[in-house]
Amino acid sequence: MTLTKKIKYSQIISLLNYFLLFALLIVSALQTSVPKEAYQEMILSVTLLLLLPGLLKGSLRAHIWLCFIILWYFTYAVVGVFLTTGAIVESLIAASTVIIFISSMMNVHWQKKSGSPV
């Protein structure tokens, strides 16, 4: 597999899981009965939208920032999994953040290897 195909596939996987994470955060916010938690999850989902233009362009800088930002989402998801004793939505959020992190990290690695400017 060529380097450009790897970059393209990693971008597709990142974007698909990015939208899945966004949808899961909204579903999780709608399921909760505590207004404070719903408010936090809505802020998390809106904050995630800040990177969308760069991700749609395939920007290296956007993927670098996504790798940093998604770690907070992962921490939030893992705490949610432990507090809800493994609820399915929280588990899917945690899995989605792991996939986003790995695919974005590999995208950054492959774009750097191909000589793409930041």
C-alpha atoms as a PDB file:
ATOM      1  CA  MET A   1       0.000   0.000   0.000  1.00  0.00           C
ATOM      2  CA  THR A   2       1.367   3.393  -0.959  1.00  0.00           C
ATOM      3  CA  LEU A   3       1.875   6.231   1.469  1.00  0.00           C
ATOM      4  CA  THR A   4      -0.831   8.389  -0.133  1.00  0.00           C
ATOM      5  CA  LYS A   5      -3.385   5.584   0.234  1.00  0.00           C
ATOM      6  CA  LYS A   6      -2.446   5.167   3.884  1.00  0.00           C
ATOM      7  CA  ILE A   7      -2.912   8.894   4.442  1.00  0.00           C
ATOM      8  CA  LYS A   8      -6.285   8.876   2.696  1.00  0.00           C
ATOM      9  CA  TYR A   9      -7.551   5.822   4.615  1.00  0.00           C
ATOM     10  CA  SER A  10      -6.425   7.226   7.950  1.00  0.00           C
ATOM     11  CA  GLN A  11      -8.220  10.507   7.173  1.00  0.00           C
ATOM     12  CA  ILE A  12     -11.403   8.624   6.294  1.00  0.00           C
ATOM     13  CA  ILE A  13     -11.239   6.532   9.474  1.00  0.00           C
ATOM     14  CA  SER A  14     -10.560   9.654  11.557  1.00  0.00           C
ATOM     15  CA  LEU A  15     -13.494  11.523  10.051  1.00  0.00           C
ATOM     16  CA  LEU A  16     -15.938   8.631  10.359  1.00  0.00           C
ATOM     17  CA  ASN A  17     -15.084   8.133  14.013  1.00  0.00           C
ATOM     18  CA  TYR A  18     -15.066  11.892  14.561  1.00  0.00           C
ATOM     19  CA  PHE A  19     -18.690  12.088  13.403  1.00  0.00           C
ATOM     20  CA  LEU A  20     -19.535   8.959  15.393  1.00  0.00           C
ATOM     21  CA  LEU A  21     -18.062  10.552  18.524  1.00  0.00           C
ATOM     22  CA  PHE A  22     -20.028  13.734  17.888  1.00  0.00           C
ATOM     23  CA  ALA A  23     -23.270  11.749  17.525  1.00  0.00           C
ATOM     24  CA  LEU A  24     -22.532   9.645  20.613  1.00  0.00           C
ATOM     25  CA  LEU A  25     -21.892  12.741  22.720  1.00  0.00           C
ATOM     26  CA  ILE A  26     -25.244  14.169  21.666  1.00  0.00           C
ATOM     27  CA  VAL A  27     -27.022  10.877  22.380  1.00  0.00           C
ATOM     28  CA  SER A  28     -25.328  10.689  25.763  1.00  0.00           C
ATOM     29  CA  ALA A  29     -26.359  14.263  26.551  1.00  0.00           C
ATOM     30  CA  LEU A  30     -29.960  13.505  25.631  1.00  0.00           C
ATOM     31  CA  GLN A  31     -30.025  10.333  27.753  1.00  0.00           C
ATOM     32  CA  THR A  32     -28.836  11.903  30.986  1.00  0.00           C
ATOM     33  CA  SER A  33     -31.312  13.235  33.505  1.00  0.00           C
ATOM     34  CA  VAL A  34     -28.813  15.541  35.216  1.00  0.00           C
ATOM     35  CA  PRO A  35     -28.792  18.973  33.511  1.00  0.00           C
ATOM     36  CA  LYS A  36     -25.188  19.702  34.510  1.00  0.00           C
ATOM     37  CA  GLU A  37     -23.913  16.546  32.787  1.00  0.00           C
ATOM     38  CA  ALA A  38     -25.999  17.227  29.691  1.00  0.00           C
ATOM     39  CA  TYR A  39     -24.567  20.742  29.554  1.00  0.00           C
ATOM     40  CA  GLN A  40     -21.005  19.408  29.812  1.00  0.00           C
ATOM     41  CA  GLU A  41     -21.566  16.917  27.018  1.00  0.00           C
ATOM     42  CA  MET A  42     -23.114  19.535  24.755  1.00  0.00           C
ATOM     43  CA  ILE A  43     -20.082  21.788  25.321  1.00  0.00           C
ATOM     44  CA  LEU A  44     -17.803  18.853  24.524  1.00  0.00           C
ATOM     45  CA  SER A  45     -19.655  18.154  21.300  1.00  0.00           C
ATOM     46  CA  VAL A  46     -19.609  21.807  20.200  1.00  0.00           C
ATOM     47  CA  THR A  47     -15.908  22.114  21.063  1.00  0.00           C
ATOM     48  CA  LEU A  48     -15.231  19.156  18.823  1.00  0.00           C
ATOM     49  CA  LEU A  49     -16.612  21.123  15.873  1.00  0.00           C
ATOM     50  CA  LEU A  50     -13.730  23.613  16.015  1.00  0.00           C
ATOM     51  CA  LEU A  51     -11.432  21.153  14.248  1.00  0.00           C
ATOM     52  CA  LEU A  52     -13.911  20.119  11.556  1.00  0.00           C
ATOM     53  CA  PRO A  53     -12.818  22.529   8.762  1.00  0.00           C
ATOM     54  CA  GLY A  54      -9.187  21.478   9.050  1.00  0.00           C
ATOM     55  CA  LEU A  55     -10.059  17.797   9.211  1.00  0.00           C
ATOM     56  CA  LEU A  56     -12.227  18.032   6.109  1.00  0.00           C
ATOM     57  CA  LYS A  57      -9.270  19.590   4.254  1.00  0.00           C
ATOM     58  CA  GLY A  58      -6.924  16.889   5.550  1.00  0.00           C
ATOM     59  CA  SER A  59      -4.734  19.431   7.306  1.00  0.00           C
ATOM     60  CA  LEU A  60      -1.741  18.057   9.144  1.00  0.00           C
ATOM     61  CA  ARG A  61      -2.063  20.721  11.834  1.00  0.00           C
ATOM     62  CA  ALA A  62      -5.708  19.788  12.466  1.00  0.00           C
ATOM     63  CA  HIS A  63      -4.759  16.140  12.968  1.00  0.00           C
ATOM     64  CA  ILE A  64      -1.974  17.135  15.360  1.00  0.00           C
ATOM     65  CA  TRP A  65      -4.419  19.198  17.421  1.00  0.00           C
ATOM     66  CA  LEU A  66      -6.976  16.420  17.289  1.00  0.00           C
ATOM     67  CA  CYS A  67      -4.440  14.025  18.820  1.00  0.00           C
ATOM     68  CA  PHE A  68      -3.994  16.385  21.773  1.00  0.00           C
ATOM     69  CA  ILE A  69      -7.634  17.299  22.245  1.00  0.00           C
ATOM     70  CA  ILE A  70      -8.989  13.770  21.920  1.00  0.00           C
ATOM     71  CA  LEU A  71      -7.013  12.752  25.018  1.00  0.00           C
ATOM     72  CA  TRP A  72      -9.372  14.883  27.142  1.00  0.00           C
ATOM     73  CA  TYR A  73     -12.334  13.182  25.513  1.00  0.00           C
ATOM     74  CA  PHE A  74     -10.750   9.797  26.219  1.00  0.00           C
ATOM     75  CA  THR A  75     -10.289  10.696  29.885  1.00  0.00           C
ATOM     76  CA  TYR A  76     -13.880  11.909  30.096  1.00  0.00           C
ATOM     77  CA  ALA A  77     -15.117   8.715  28.414  1.00  0.00           C
ATOM     78  CA  VAL A  78     -13.144   6.368  30.666  1.00  0.00           C
ATOM     79  CA  VAL A  79     -14.441   8.125  33.777  1.00  0.00           C
ATOM     80  CA  GLY A  80     -17.950   7.848  32.326  1.00  0.00           C
ATOM     81  CA  VAL A  81     -17.502   4.117  31.707  1.00  0.00           C
ATOM     82  CA  PHE A  82     -16.411   3.523  35.295  1.00  0.00           C
ATOM     83  CA  LEU A  83     -19.158   5.691  36.787  1.00  0.00           C
ATOM     84  CA  THR A  84     -21.912   4.045  34.754  1.00  0.00           C
ATOM     85  CA  THR A  85     -20.432   0.549  35.200  1.00  0.00           C
ATOM     86  CA  GLY A  86     -19.869   0.024  31.512  1.00  0.00           C
ATOM     87  CA  ALA A  87     -22.897   1.586  29.839  1.00  0.00           C
ATOM     88  CA  ILE A  88     -22.877   0.962  26.095  1.00  0.00           C
ATOM     89  CA  VAL A  89     -22.854   4.614  24.956  1.00  0.00           C
ATOM     90  CA  GLU A  90     -19.951   5.532  27.212  1.00  0.00           C
ATOM     91  CA  SER A  91     -18.053   2.419  26.120  1.00  0.00           C
ATOM     92  CA  LEU A  92     -18.595   3.357  22.473  1.00  0.00           C
ATOM     93  CA  ILE A  93     -17.375   6.890  23.180  1.00  0.00           C
ATOM     94  CA  ALA A  94     -14.194   5.487  24.738  1.00  0.00           C
ATOM     95  CA  ALA A  95     -13.637   3.117  21.807  1.00  0.00           C
ATOM     96  CA  SER A  96     -14.262   5.890  19.300  1.00  0.00           C
ATOM     97  CA  THR A  97     -11.718   8.173  20.962  1.00  0.00           C
ATOM     98  CA  VAL A  98      -9.092   5.424  20.846  1.00  0.00           C
ATOM     99  CA  ILE A  99      -9.697   4.859  17.132  1.00  0.00           C
ATOM    100  CA  ILE A 100      -9.623   8.592  16.410  1.00  0.00           C
ATOM    101  CA  PHE A 101      -6.355   9.004  18.295  1.00  0.00           C
ATOM    102  CA  ILE A 102      -4.621   6.093  16.568  1.00  0.00           C
ATOM    103  CA  SER A 103      -5.810   6.999  13.062  1.00  0.00           C
ATOM    104  CA  SER A 104      -4.919  10.689  13.503  1.00  0.00           C
ATOM    105  CA  MET A 105      -1.547   9.841  14.984  1.00  0.00           C
ATOM    106  CA  MET A 106      -0.774   7.534  12.047  1.00  0.00           C
ATOM    107  CA  ASN A 107      -2.007  10.210   9.636  1.00  0.00           C
ATOM    108  CA  VAL A 108       0.428  12.704  11.155  1.00  0.00           C
ATOM    109  CA  HIS A 109       3.246  10.162  10.955  1.00  0.00           C
ATOM    110  CA  TRP A 110       2.560   9.313   7.313  1.00  0.00           C
ATOM    111  CA  GLN A 111       2.076  12.931   6.252  1.00  0.00           C
ATOM    112  CA  LYS A 112       5.377  13.879   7.898  1.00  0.00           C
ATOM    113  CA  LYS A 113       7.041  10.924   6.170  1.00  0.00           C
ATOM    114  CA  SER A 114       5.675  12.074   2.808  1.00  0.00           C
ATOM    115  CA  GLY A 115       7.166  15.539   3.345  1.00  0.00           C
ATOM    116  CA  SER A 116       3.893  17.410   3.785  1.00  0.00           C
ATOM    117  CA  PRO A 117       4.318  20.882   5.332  1.00  0.00           C
ATOM    118  CA  VAL A 118       2.629  21.684   8.630  1.00  0.00           C
END
